[in-house]
N, C-alpha and C. Protein backbone atom coordinates (compact mmCIF):
# COMPACT_ATOMS: atom_id res chain seq x y z
N MET A 1 0.85 -1.20 0.00
CA MET A 1 0.00 0.00 0.00
C MET A 1 0.88 1.24 0.00
N THR A 2 0.64 2.14 -0.93
CA THR A 2 1.45 3.35 -1.07
C THR A 2 0.87 4.47 -0.23
N THR A 3 1.72 5.13 0.52
CA THR A 3 1.29 6.27 1.34
C THR A 3 1.49 7.56 0.57
N SER A 4 0.45 8.36 0.48
CA SER A 4 0.55 9.62 -0.24
C SER A 4 1.41 10.60 0.54
N PRO A 5 2.00 11.60 -0.16
CA PRO A 5 2.80 12.61 0.53
C PRO A 5 2.02 13.32 1.62
N ILE A 6 0.74 13.60 1.36
CA ILE A 6 -0.08 14.31 2.35
C ILE A 6 -0.25 13.46 3.59
N ASP A 7 -0.51 12.11 3.37
CA ASP A 7 -0.69 11.24 4.52
C ASP A 7 0.59 11.13 5.32
N ALA A 8 1.72 11.08 4.63
CA ALA A 8 3.00 11.00 5.34
C ALA A 8 3.25 12.26 6.13
N ASN A 9 2.97 13.41 5.52
CA ASN A 9 3.15 14.67 6.22
C ASN A 9 2.23 14.76 7.42
N GLN A 10 0.99 14.28 7.25
CA GLN A 10 0.04 14.32 8.35
C GLN A 10 0.53 13.47 9.51
N SER A 11 1.11 12.30 9.18
CA SER A 11 1.63 11.44 10.24
C SER A 11 2.77 12.12 10.97
N ASP A 12 3.66 12.79 10.22
CA ASP A 12 4.77 13.50 10.85
C ASP A 12 4.27 14.59 11.77
N CYS A 13 3.30 15.37 11.29
CA CYS A 13 2.81 16.51 12.07
C CYS A 13 2.09 16.05 13.34
N GLU A 14 1.46 14.85 13.27
CA GLU A 14 0.68 14.40 14.42
C GLU A 14 1.50 13.64 15.44
N THR A 15 2.59 12.96 14.98
CA THR A 15 3.31 12.07 15.88
C THR A 15 4.68 12.58 16.29
N MET A 16 5.28 13.50 15.54
CA MET A 16 6.61 13.97 15.88
C MET A 16 6.59 14.77 17.17
N PRO A 17 7.51 14.48 18.11
CA PRO A 17 7.56 15.26 19.36
C PRO A 17 7.77 16.74 19.08
N VAL A 18 7.02 17.56 19.77
CA VAL A 18 7.11 19.00 19.57
C VAL A 18 8.30 19.53 20.36
N ARG A 19 9.17 20.28 19.71
CA ARG A 19 10.32 20.90 20.35
C ARG A 19 10.33 22.38 20.00
N TYR A 20 10.79 23.18 20.94
CA TYR A 20 10.84 24.62 20.74
C TYR A 20 12.26 25.12 20.98
N LEU A 21 12.69 26.06 20.14
CA LEU A 21 13.94 26.79 20.39
C LEU A 21 13.54 28.10 21.05
N ASN A 22 13.75 28.19 22.35
CA ASN A 22 13.35 29.37 23.11
C ASN A 22 14.47 30.40 23.13
N HIS A 23 14.09 31.65 22.99
CA HIS A 23 15.06 32.77 23.00
C HIS A 23 14.87 33.54 24.31
N TYR A 24 15.96 33.77 25.00
CA TYR A 24 15.92 34.41 26.32
C TYR A 24 16.81 35.65 26.33
N ARG A 25 16.43 36.61 27.15
CA ARG A 25 17.25 37.80 27.37
C ARG A 25 17.10 38.21 28.83
N CYS A 26 18.21 38.25 29.54
CA CYS A 26 18.17 38.58 30.97
C CYS A 26 18.22 40.09 31.15
N PRO A 27 17.20 40.69 31.78
CA PRO A 27 17.20 42.15 31.97
C PRO A 27 18.20 42.60 33.02
N THR A 28 18.68 41.67 33.83
CA THR A 28 19.62 42.04 34.89
C THR A 28 21.04 42.20 34.38
N CYS A 29 21.53 41.17 33.66
CA CYS A 29 22.92 41.23 33.17
C CYS A 29 23.01 41.32 31.66
N GLN A 30 21.85 41.44 30.97
CA GLN A 30 21.78 41.62 29.52
C GLN A 30 22.38 40.44 28.75
N GLN A 31 22.30 39.27 29.34
CA GLN A 31 22.79 38.05 28.68
C GLN A 31 21.72 37.52 27.73
N ASP A 32 22.11 37.18 26.50
CA ASP A 32 21.21 36.57 25.52
C ASP A 32 21.62 35.12 25.33
N TRP A 33 20.63 34.22 25.24
CA TRP A 33 20.94 32.83 24.94
C TRP A 33 19.71 32.13 24.40
N GLN A 34 19.93 30.95 23.84
CA GLN A 34 18.87 30.12 23.30
C GLN A 34 18.98 28.73 23.91
N ASP A 35 17.85 28.05 24.02
CA ASP A 35 17.86 26.69 24.53
C ASP A 35 16.66 25.94 23.96
N GLU A 36 16.83 24.66 23.76
CA GLU A 36 15.77 23.84 23.17
C GLU A 36 15.04 23.08 24.26
N TRP A 37 13.69 23.21 24.25
CA TRP A 37 12.85 22.55 25.24
C TRP A 37 11.63 21.96 24.54
N ASP A 38 10.86 21.18 25.29
CA ASP A 38 9.63 20.63 24.73
C ASP A 38 8.44 21.54 24.99
N CYS A 39 8.69 22.75 25.52
CA CYS A 39 7.64 23.74 25.72
C CYS A 39 8.31 25.12 25.82
N ALA A 40 7.49 26.16 25.78
CA ALA A 40 8.02 27.53 25.91
C ALA A 40 8.16 27.85 27.38
N CYS A 41 9.13 27.22 28.03
CA CYS A 41 9.26 27.33 29.48
C CYS A 41 10.35 28.33 29.87
N ASN A 42 10.36 28.69 31.14
CA ASN A 42 11.39 29.56 31.67
C ASN A 42 12.73 28.83 31.72
N ASP A 43 13.81 29.61 31.78
CA ASP A 43 15.13 29.04 31.89
C ASP A 43 15.97 29.92 32.81
N ARG A 44 17.08 29.38 33.29
CA ARG A 44 17.98 30.10 34.18
C ARG A 44 19.06 30.83 33.38
N CYS A 45 19.28 32.09 33.71
CA CYS A 45 20.33 32.86 33.05
C CYS A 45 21.68 32.21 33.34
N PRO A 46 22.49 31.92 32.31
CA PRO A 46 23.79 31.27 32.54
C PRO A 46 24.78 32.17 33.27
N SER A 47 24.49 33.48 33.35
CA SER A 47 25.41 34.40 34.01
C SER A 47 25.04 34.64 35.47
N CYS A 48 23.74 34.96 35.73
CA CYS A 48 23.34 35.33 37.09
C CYS A 48 22.36 34.35 37.72
N ASP A 49 21.93 33.32 36.97
CA ASP A 49 21.03 32.27 37.47
C ASP A 49 19.62 32.78 37.74
N LYS A 50 19.26 33.95 37.24
CA LYS A 50 17.90 34.46 37.41
C LYS A 50 16.98 33.73 36.46
N GLU A 51 15.76 33.43 36.92
CA GLU A 51 14.79 32.74 36.08
C GLU A 51 14.18 33.72 35.09
N ILE A 52 14.24 33.38 33.80
CA ILE A 52 13.84 34.29 32.73
C ILE A 52 12.77 33.64 31.87
N VAL A 53 11.78 34.44 31.49
CA VAL A 53 10.72 33.99 30.58
C VAL A 53 11.19 34.18 29.14
N PRO A 54 10.97 33.23 28.24
CA PRO A 54 11.38 33.41 26.85
C PRO A 54 10.59 34.53 26.19
N TYR A 55 11.29 35.37 25.42
CA TYR A 55 10.59 36.44 24.71
C TYR A 55 10.16 36.00 23.32
N HIS A 56 10.66 34.82 22.86
CA HIS A 56 10.23 34.28 21.57
C HIS A 56 10.55 32.79 21.55
N SER A 57 9.70 31.99 20.86
CA SER A 57 9.93 30.55 20.75
C SER A 57 9.67 30.12 19.31
N ASP A 58 10.61 29.34 18.76
CA ASP A 58 10.48 28.81 17.41
C ASP A 58 10.14 27.32 17.47
N LEU A 59 9.15 26.91 16.70
CA LEU A 59 8.77 25.51 16.65
C LEU A 59 9.78 24.75 15.80
N LEU A 60 10.31 23.66 16.32
CA LEU A 60 11.33 22.88 15.62
C LEU A 60 10.79 21.52 15.20
N GLY A 61 11.46 20.92 14.24
CA GLY A 61 11.22 19.52 13.91
C GLY A 61 10.10 19.26 12.94
N LEU A 62 9.32 20.29 12.54
CA LEU A 62 8.23 20.10 11.60
C LEU A 62 8.47 20.89 10.34
N ASN A 63 7.94 20.42 9.24
CA ASN A 63 8.00 21.14 7.98
C ASN A 63 6.83 22.11 7.93
N PRO A 64 7.07 23.42 8.10
CA PRO A 64 5.96 24.37 8.17
C PRO A 64 5.06 24.35 6.94
N GLU A 65 5.67 24.16 5.72
CA GLU A 65 4.87 24.19 4.50
C GLU A 65 3.93 22.98 4.44
N SER A 66 4.46 21.81 4.86
CA SER A 66 3.63 20.61 4.81
C SER A 66 2.47 20.71 5.79
N CYS A 67 2.78 21.18 7.00
CA CYS A 67 1.73 21.29 8.01
C CYS A 67 0.73 22.38 7.63
N ALA A 68 1.20 23.43 6.96
CA ALA A 68 0.30 24.49 6.54
C ALA A 68 -0.67 23.96 5.49
N GLN A 69 -0.17 23.05 4.60
CA GLN A 69 -1.05 22.45 3.61
C GLN A 69 -2.14 21.64 4.29
N LEU A 70 -1.76 20.92 5.33
CA LEU A 70 -2.75 20.12 6.05
C LEU A 70 -3.80 21.00 6.69
N ASP A 71 -3.37 22.13 7.24
CA ASP A 71 -4.31 23.02 7.91
C ASP A 71 -5.29 23.63 6.93
N GLN A 72 -4.88 23.75 5.62
CA GLN A 72 -5.73 24.41 4.64
C GLN A 72 -6.64 23.44 3.88
N ARG A 73 -6.46 22.12 4.11
CA ARG A 73 -7.31 21.17 3.41
C ARG A 73 -8.75 21.23 3.92
N PRO A 74 -9.73 21.02 3.07
CA PRO A 74 -11.13 20.98 3.54
C PRO A 74 -11.31 19.86 4.55
N LEU A 75 -11.96 20.14 5.65
CA LEU A 75 -12.21 19.14 6.68
C LEU A 75 -13.44 18.30 6.34
N PRO A 76 -13.48 17.05 6.77
CA PRO A 76 -14.71 16.27 6.63
C PRO A 76 -15.86 16.99 7.31
N MET A 77 -17.09 16.67 6.89
CA MET A 77 -18.26 17.39 7.38
C MET A 77 -18.33 17.34 8.91
N ALA A 78 -18.08 16.18 9.51
CA ALA A 78 -18.18 16.06 10.96
C ALA A 78 -17.16 16.94 11.65
N GLU A 79 -15.93 17.02 11.09
CA GLU A 79 -14.89 17.84 11.69
C GLU A 79 -15.16 19.32 11.47
N ALA A 80 -15.72 19.65 10.30
CA ALA A 80 -15.98 21.06 9.99
C ALA A 80 -17.01 21.65 10.93
N GLN A 81 -17.91 20.81 11.45
CA GLN A 81 -18.95 21.32 12.33
C GLN A 81 -18.40 21.61 13.73
N ALA A 82 -17.26 21.02 14.05
CA ALA A 82 -16.67 21.25 15.36
C ALA A 82 -15.70 22.44 15.28
N THR A 83 -16.10 23.55 15.84
CA THR A 83 -15.26 24.75 15.80
C THR A 83 -14.37 24.80 17.03
N LYS A 84 -13.22 25.43 16.86
CA LYS A 84 -12.28 25.54 17.97
C LYS A 84 -12.81 26.50 19.03
N LYS A 85 -12.56 26.17 20.26
CA LYS A 85 -12.95 27.02 21.38
C LYS A 85 -11.70 27.63 22.01
N LYS A 86 -11.90 28.69 22.75
CA LYS A 86 -10.79 29.34 23.45
C LYS A 86 -10.69 28.80 24.87
N PHE A 87 -9.47 28.56 25.28
CA PHE A 87 -9.22 28.07 26.63
C PHE A 87 -8.12 28.90 27.28
N VAL A 88 -8.23 29.07 28.57
CA VAL A 88 -7.16 29.66 29.36
C VAL A 88 -6.52 28.52 30.14
N VAL A 89 -5.27 28.23 29.82
CA VAL A 89 -4.55 27.12 30.44
C VAL A 89 -3.44 27.69 31.31
N ALA A 90 -3.34 27.21 32.53
CA ALA A 90 -2.34 27.71 33.48
C ALA A 90 -1.71 26.55 34.22
N TYR A 91 -0.50 26.80 34.70
CA TYR A 91 0.10 25.82 35.59
C TYR A 91 0.63 26.53 36.83
N GLU A 92 0.63 25.82 37.93
CA GLU A 92 1.15 26.33 39.20
C GLU A 92 2.23 25.39 39.69
N ILE A 93 3.29 25.97 40.23
CA ILE A 93 4.37 25.19 40.80
C ILE A 93 4.90 25.92 42.02
N ASP A 94 5.25 25.20 43.03
CA ASP A 94 5.71 25.82 44.27
C ASP A 94 7.09 26.44 44.09
N TYR A 95 7.21 27.65 44.59
CA TYR A 95 8.48 28.37 44.53
C TYR A 95 8.91 28.81 45.92
N VAL A 96 10.20 29.00 46.07
CA VAL A 96 10.77 29.58 47.28
C VAL A 96 11.26 30.98 46.93
N HIS A 97 10.73 31.98 47.63
CA HIS A 97 11.16 33.36 47.42
C HIS A 97 12.30 33.65 48.40
N ARG A 98 13.50 33.84 47.88
CA ARG A 98 14.69 34.04 48.70
C ARG A 98 15.19 35.48 48.53
N VAL A 99 15.23 36.21 49.62
CA VAL A 99 15.73 37.59 49.63
C VAL A 99 16.94 37.64 50.55
N VAL A 100 18.02 38.26 50.05
CA VAL A 100 19.25 38.37 50.82
C VAL A 100 19.63 39.85 50.92
N VAL A 101 19.88 40.32 52.14
CA VAL A 101 20.29 41.71 52.36
C VAL A 101 21.55 41.72 53.22
N GLY A 102 22.27 42.83 53.16
CA GLY A 102 23.44 43.02 54.00
C GLY A 102 23.08 43.87 55.21
N ILE A 103 23.49 43.46 56.40
CA ILE A 103 23.15 44.17 57.63
C ILE A 103 24.38 44.23 58.54
N ALA A 104 24.67 45.42 59.06
CA ALA A 104 25.72 45.58 60.07
C ALA A 104 25.07 45.50 61.45
N ALA A 105 25.50 44.54 62.26
CA ALA A 105 24.90 44.33 63.58
C ALA A 105 25.96 43.80 64.54
N LEU A 106 25.63 43.84 65.83
CA LEU A 106 26.56 43.36 66.85
C LEU A 106 26.66 41.84 66.85
N ASN A 107 25.57 41.17 66.50
CA ASN A 107 25.59 39.71 66.50
C ASN A 107 24.50 39.19 65.56
N GLU A 108 24.43 37.87 65.44
CA GLU A 108 23.49 37.23 64.52
C GLU A 108 22.05 37.51 64.93
N THR A 109 21.76 37.49 66.21
CA THR A 109 20.40 37.73 66.69
C THR A 109 19.93 39.13 66.31
N GLU A 110 20.78 40.13 66.52
CA GLU A 110 20.40 41.50 66.17
C GLU A 110 20.21 41.65 64.67
N ALA A 111 21.07 40.99 63.89
CA ALA A 111 20.96 41.07 62.44
C ALA A 111 19.61 40.51 61.97
N LYS A 112 19.20 39.38 62.54
CA LYS A 112 17.92 38.78 62.17
C LYS A 112 16.76 39.68 62.58
N GLN A 113 16.87 40.29 63.77
CA GLN A 113 15.81 41.18 64.24
C GLN A 113 15.66 42.39 63.33
N LEU A 114 16.80 42.95 62.90
CA LEU A 114 16.75 44.10 62.00
C LEU A 114 16.13 43.72 60.66
N ALA A 115 16.49 42.55 60.16
CA ALA A 115 15.94 42.09 58.88
C ALA A 115 14.44 41.84 58.99
N GLU A 116 14.02 41.22 60.10
CA GLU A 116 12.59 40.94 60.29
C GLU A 116 11.80 42.23 60.43
N GLN A 117 12.36 43.23 61.13
CA GLN A 117 11.68 44.51 61.26
C GLN A 117 11.55 45.20 59.91
N ALA A 118 12.61 45.13 59.11
CA ALA A 118 12.56 45.72 57.76
C ALA A 118 11.52 45.03 56.90
N PHE A 119 11.40 43.71 57.07
CA PHE A 119 10.38 42.97 56.32
C PHE A 119 8.98 43.42 56.73
N ASN A 120 8.76 43.53 58.03
CA ASN A 120 7.45 43.95 58.53
C ASN A 120 7.11 45.37 58.09
N ASP A 121 8.13 46.22 57.96
CA ASP A 121 7.92 47.61 57.55
C ASP A 121 7.91 47.75 56.02
N ALA A 122 8.11 46.62 55.30
CA ALA A 122 8.16 46.62 53.83
C ALA A 122 9.27 47.50 53.30
N THR A 123 10.39 47.57 54.03
CA THR A 123 11.54 48.37 53.59
C THR A 123 12.74 47.50 53.26
N ILE A 124 12.57 46.17 53.37
CA ILE A 124 13.71 45.29 53.15
C ILE A 124 14.15 45.30 51.68
N TRP A 125 13.27 45.75 50.78
CA TRP A 125 13.60 45.79 49.34
C TRP A 125 14.07 47.17 48.89
N ASP A 126 14.27 48.11 49.84
CA ASP A 126 14.61 49.48 49.45
C ASP A 126 16.03 49.61 48.91
N ASP A 127 16.89 48.63 49.19
CA ASP A 127 18.27 48.62 48.68
C ASP A 127 19.02 49.90 49.08
N THR A 128 19.13 50.11 50.37
CA THR A 128 19.81 51.30 50.89
C THR A 128 21.26 50.97 51.22
N GLU A 129 22.03 52.01 51.51
CA GLU A 129 23.43 51.80 51.87
C GLU A 129 23.54 51.04 53.19
N ALA A 130 22.61 51.32 54.11
CA ALA A 130 22.63 50.63 55.40
C ALA A 130 22.17 49.19 55.29
N MET A 131 21.30 48.91 54.31
CA MET A 131 20.80 47.55 54.13
C MET A 131 20.72 47.25 52.63
N PRO A 132 21.88 46.97 52.00
CA PRO A 132 21.88 46.72 50.55
C PRO A 132 21.16 45.42 50.20
N LEU A 133 20.39 45.47 49.12
CA LEU A 133 19.71 44.28 48.62
C LEU A 133 20.69 43.47 47.79
N LEU A 134 20.97 42.23 48.21
CA LEU A 134 21.98 41.40 47.55
C LEU A 134 21.35 40.37 46.61
N SER A 135 20.13 39.95 46.89
CA SER A 135 19.46 38.99 46.02
C SER A 135 17.96 39.02 46.28
N ASP A 136 17.19 38.91 45.22
CA ASP A 136 15.74 38.82 45.31
C ASP A 136 15.29 37.92 44.17
N ASP A 137 15.14 36.65 44.45
CA ASP A 137 14.92 35.68 43.37
C ASP A 137 13.96 34.60 43.82
N TYR A 138 13.45 33.89 42.83
CA TYR A 138 12.53 32.78 43.07
C TYR A 138 13.17 31.49 42.57
N HIS A 139 13.05 30.43 43.35
CA HIS A 139 13.58 29.13 42.98
C HIS A 139 12.48 28.09 43.14
N GLU A 140 12.43 27.14 42.19
CA GLU A 140 11.46 26.05 42.33
C GLU A 140 11.77 25.25 43.58
N SER A 141 10.71 24.86 44.29
CA SER A 141 10.91 24.15 45.55
C SER A 141 11.46 22.75 45.35
N GLY A 142 11.25 22.17 44.16
CA GLY A 142 11.83 20.87 43.85
C GLY A 142 10.98 19.69 44.25
N ASP A 143 9.76 19.92 44.74
CA ASP A 143 8.92 18.79 45.16
C ASP A 143 7.96 18.33 44.05
N GLU A 144 8.15 18.85 42.83
CA GLU A 144 7.38 18.42 41.67
C GLU A 144 5.87 18.56 41.89
N SER A 145 5.47 19.69 42.41
CA SER A 145 4.05 19.92 42.69
C SER A 145 3.37 20.67 41.55
N LEU A 146 3.65 20.26 40.31
CA LEU A 146 3.10 20.93 39.14
C LEU A 146 1.61 20.61 39.01
N VAL A 147 0.80 21.68 38.93
CA VAL A 147 -0.66 21.53 38.83
C VAL A 147 -1.14 22.32 37.61
N TRP A 148 -1.88 21.64 36.73
CA TRP A 148 -2.41 22.28 35.53
C TRP A 148 -3.89 22.60 35.71
N GLU A 149 -4.31 23.75 35.15
CA GLU A 149 -5.71 24.15 35.15
C GLU A 149 -6.12 24.56 33.74
N CYS A 150 -7.37 24.31 33.40
CA CYS A 150 -7.86 24.69 32.08
C CYS A 150 -9.31 25.14 32.19
N GLU A 151 -9.62 26.27 31.56
CA GLU A 151 -10.97 26.83 31.65
C GLU A 151 -11.39 27.36 30.29
N ALA A 152 -12.56 26.97 29.85
CA ALA A 152 -13.09 27.48 28.59
C ALA A 152 -13.59 28.91 28.78
N VAL A 153 -13.25 29.80 27.85
CA VAL A 153 -13.65 31.20 27.94
C VAL A 153 -14.16 31.67 26.59
N GLU A 154 -14.95 32.72 26.62
CA GLU A 154 -15.44 33.32 25.37
C GLU A 154 -14.39 34.25 24.79
N HIS A 155 -13.72 34.99 25.67
CA HIS A 155 -12.65 35.91 25.25
C HIS A 155 -11.47 35.75 26.21
N TYR A 156 -10.25 35.90 25.67
CA TYR A 156 -9.08 35.84 26.52
C TYR A 156 -9.06 37.07 27.44
N PRO A 157 -8.73 36.90 28.71
CA PRO A 157 -8.63 38.06 29.60
C PRO A 157 -7.42 38.91 29.25
N ALA A 158 -7.45 40.16 29.69
CA ALA A 158 -6.32 41.05 29.45
C ALA A 158 -5.11 40.57 30.24
N PRO A 159 -3.90 40.74 29.71
CA PRO A 159 -2.70 40.34 30.45
C PRO A 159 -2.64 41.03 31.81
N ASP A 160 -2.20 40.32 32.83
CA ASP A 160 -2.15 40.90 34.17
C ASP A 160 -0.88 41.71 34.37
N TYR A 161 -0.68 42.17 35.60
CA TYR A 161 0.43 43.07 35.90
C TYR A 161 1.78 42.44 35.58
N SER A 162 1.94 41.13 35.85
CA SER A 162 3.23 40.49 35.63
C SER A 162 3.64 40.54 34.16
N VAL A 163 2.68 40.34 33.26
CA VAL A 163 2.98 40.38 31.83
C VAL A 163 3.24 41.82 31.38
N ARG A 164 2.44 42.77 31.88
CA ARG A 164 2.67 44.17 31.52
C ARG A 164 4.03 44.65 32.00
N GLN A 165 4.42 44.22 33.20
CA GLN A 165 5.72 44.60 33.74
C GLN A 165 6.84 43.99 32.90
N LEU A 166 6.67 42.75 32.46
CA LEU A 166 7.67 42.11 31.61
C LEU A 166 7.83 42.86 30.30
N HIS A 167 6.71 43.28 29.70
CA HIS A 167 6.78 44.03 28.45
C HIS A 167 7.47 45.37 28.65
N LYS A 168 7.24 46.02 29.80
CA LYS A 168 7.88 47.30 30.09
C LYS A 168 9.39 47.11 30.25
N GLU A 169 9.79 46.05 30.93
CA GLU A 169 11.22 45.79 31.11
C GLU A 169 11.88 45.49 29.76
N GLN A 170 11.21 44.72 28.92
CA GLN A 170 11.76 44.43 27.60
C GLN A 170 11.88 45.69 26.76
N ALA A 171 10.86 46.57 26.84
CA ALA A 171 10.90 47.82 26.09
C ALA A 171 12.02 48.72 26.60
N ALA A 172 12.20 48.79 27.92
CA ALA A 172 13.25 49.63 28.49
C ALA A 172 14.63 49.14 28.05
N LEU A 173 14.82 47.83 28.04
CA LEU A 173 16.09 47.27 27.61
C LEU A 173 16.34 47.55 26.14
N LYS A 174 15.29 47.48 25.34
CA LYS A 174 15.41 47.75 23.91
C LYS A 174 15.81 49.21 23.67
N VAL A 175 15.21 50.13 24.45
CA VAL A 175 15.56 51.55 24.32
C VAL A 175 17.02 51.78 24.71
N CYS A 176 17.44 51.17 25.80
CA CYS A 176 18.83 51.34 26.24
C CYS A 176 19.81 50.86 25.18
N ARG A 177 19.52 49.71 24.61
CA ARG A 177 20.40 49.18 23.57
C ARG A 177 20.39 50.08 22.33
N GLY A 178 19.21 50.60 22.00
CA GLY A 178 19.10 51.49 20.84
C GLY A 178 19.88 52.78 21.04
N LEU A 179 19.81 53.34 22.25
CA LEU A 179 20.55 54.58 22.53
C LEU A 179 22.06 54.34 22.47
N VAL A 180 22.49 53.23 23.06
CA VAL A 180 23.93 52.92 23.00
C VAL A 180 24.38 52.76 21.56
N GLU A 181 23.59 52.07 20.76
CA GLU A 181 23.94 51.86 19.35
C GLU A 181 23.96 53.19 18.60
N ALA A 182 22.98 54.06 18.87
CA ALA A 182 22.93 55.36 18.19
C ALA A 182 24.15 56.21 18.54
N TYR A 183 24.54 56.23 19.79
CA TYR A 183 25.71 57.01 20.20
C TYR A 183 26.99 56.43 19.61
N GLN A 184 27.07 55.12 19.54
CA GLN A 184 28.25 54.49 18.95
C GLN A 184 28.36 54.82 17.47
N GLN A 185 27.23 54.83 16.77
CA GLN A 185 27.24 55.18 15.36
C GLN A 185 27.60 56.64 15.15
N GLY A 186 27.07 57.53 16.03
CA GLY A 186 27.43 58.94 15.94
C GLY A 186 28.89 59.18 16.21
N GLU A 187 29.43 58.45 17.17
CA GLU A 187 30.85 58.59 17.49
C GLU A 187 31.72 58.09 16.36
N ALA A 188 31.30 56.97 15.73
CA ALA A 188 32.07 56.43 14.61
C ALA A 188 32.07 57.38 13.42
N ALA A 189 30.97 58.10 13.25
CA ALA A 189 30.86 59.05 12.14
C ALA A 189 31.44 60.41 12.51
N ARG A 190 31.94 60.53 13.74
CA ARG A 190 32.54 61.77 14.23
C ARG A 190 31.57 62.95 14.10
N GLY A 191 30.36 62.69 14.42
CA GLY A 191 29.36 63.74 14.35
C GLY A 191 28.35 63.57 15.47
N SER A 192 27.39 64.48 15.53
CA SER A 192 26.36 64.40 16.55
C SER A 192 25.27 63.43 16.11
N ILE A 193 24.43 63.06 17.07
CA ILE A 193 23.34 62.14 16.77
C ILE A 193 22.15 62.92 16.25
N GLY A 194 21.64 62.51 15.10
CA GLY A 194 20.48 63.17 14.53
C GLY A 194 19.20 62.74 15.20
N GLY A 195 18.21 63.62 15.14
CA GLY A 195 16.93 63.30 15.76
C GLY A 195 16.29 62.06 15.17
N GLU A 196 16.54 61.82 13.88
CA GLU A 196 15.94 60.65 13.24
C GLU A 196 16.51 59.36 13.82
N ASP A 197 17.73 59.43 14.38
CA ASP A 197 18.32 58.24 14.98
C ASP A 197 17.68 57.91 16.32
N LEU A 198 17.08 58.92 16.97
CA LEU A 198 16.49 58.72 18.28
C LEU A 198 14.97 58.58 18.23
N ASP A 199 14.35 59.13 17.18
CA ASP A 199 12.89 59.11 17.10
C ASP A 199 12.33 57.70 17.12
N GLN A 200 13.06 56.74 16.52
CA GLN A 200 12.55 55.37 16.44
C GLN A 200 12.41 54.71 17.81
N TRP A 201 13.14 55.25 18.81
CA TRP A 201 13.11 54.65 20.14
C TRP A 201 12.08 55.30 21.04
N LEU A 202 11.47 56.40 20.61
CA LEU A 202 10.48 57.08 21.45
C LEU A 202 9.27 56.21 21.75
N PRO A 203 8.68 55.50 20.76
CA PRO A 203 7.53 54.64 21.09
C PRO A 203 7.87 53.57 22.12
N TRP A 204 9.08 53.02 22.04
CA TRP A 204 9.49 52.01 23.01
C TRP A 204 9.68 52.63 24.39
N ALA A 205 10.23 53.86 24.42
CA ALA A 205 10.38 54.54 25.70
C ALA A 205 9.03 54.83 26.33
N MET A 206 8.05 55.25 25.52
CA MET A 206 6.71 55.51 26.03
C MET A 206 6.09 54.22 26.58
N LYS A 207 6.35 53.12 25.92
CA LYS A 207 5.82 51.83 26.39
C LYS A 207 6.47 51.43 27.70
N ALA A 208 7.76 51.75 27.86
CA ALA A 208 8.48 51.36 29.07
C ALA A 208 8.00 52.12 30.29
N VAL A 209 7.57 53.38 30.11
CA VAL A 209 7.16 54.21 31.25
C VAL A 209 5.65 54.28 31.38
N ALA A 210 4.92 53.55 30.53
CA ALA A 210 3.46 53.59 30.60
C ALA A 210 2.98 53.03 31.93
N SER A 211 1.90 53.63 32.44
CA SER A 211 1.36 53.17 33.74
C SER A 211 0.43 51.99 33.53
């Protein structure tokens, strides 16, 4: 029995393990890297070990043209009647929030008391000279408590604060890199920076400072 090219492509698209090439950029140390995973998951920065969300993911292992042909073929009547629904899918995993500060004290007991008081006063994150913030990071607890949730919705909800903050940080980093590049180009040309070199970064700057 001969298998048609379409049937072979369909088999590949349905059975081949899905792999993603995730692209990461650390806003703390400006490290860029890529890593291959079976999902668009977070990864640890190779420089500072901060957990970073991928800003872009490429699907690997499939022939996009072949799969696109499959998607465009007319569906059987029974399949055509079944329309796709929207779902909000989430996962939860236990994390440990670890904050490290520097404190000058007479002994360990006093140092802990000062840190606890700063925590209660919500000043432990102020990063002052008297109490410098040394680390503020999240680590997976390691007990494999991954929980998935799925809910059918009519419309996707608006991105929450965490996503908006991530977009602002990405925009701010993009503006900083653009300004550095513009000044380097102006310096190489031994001239001043033209307004047209900076205008392109204004929309990104507005996005970074948006409330």
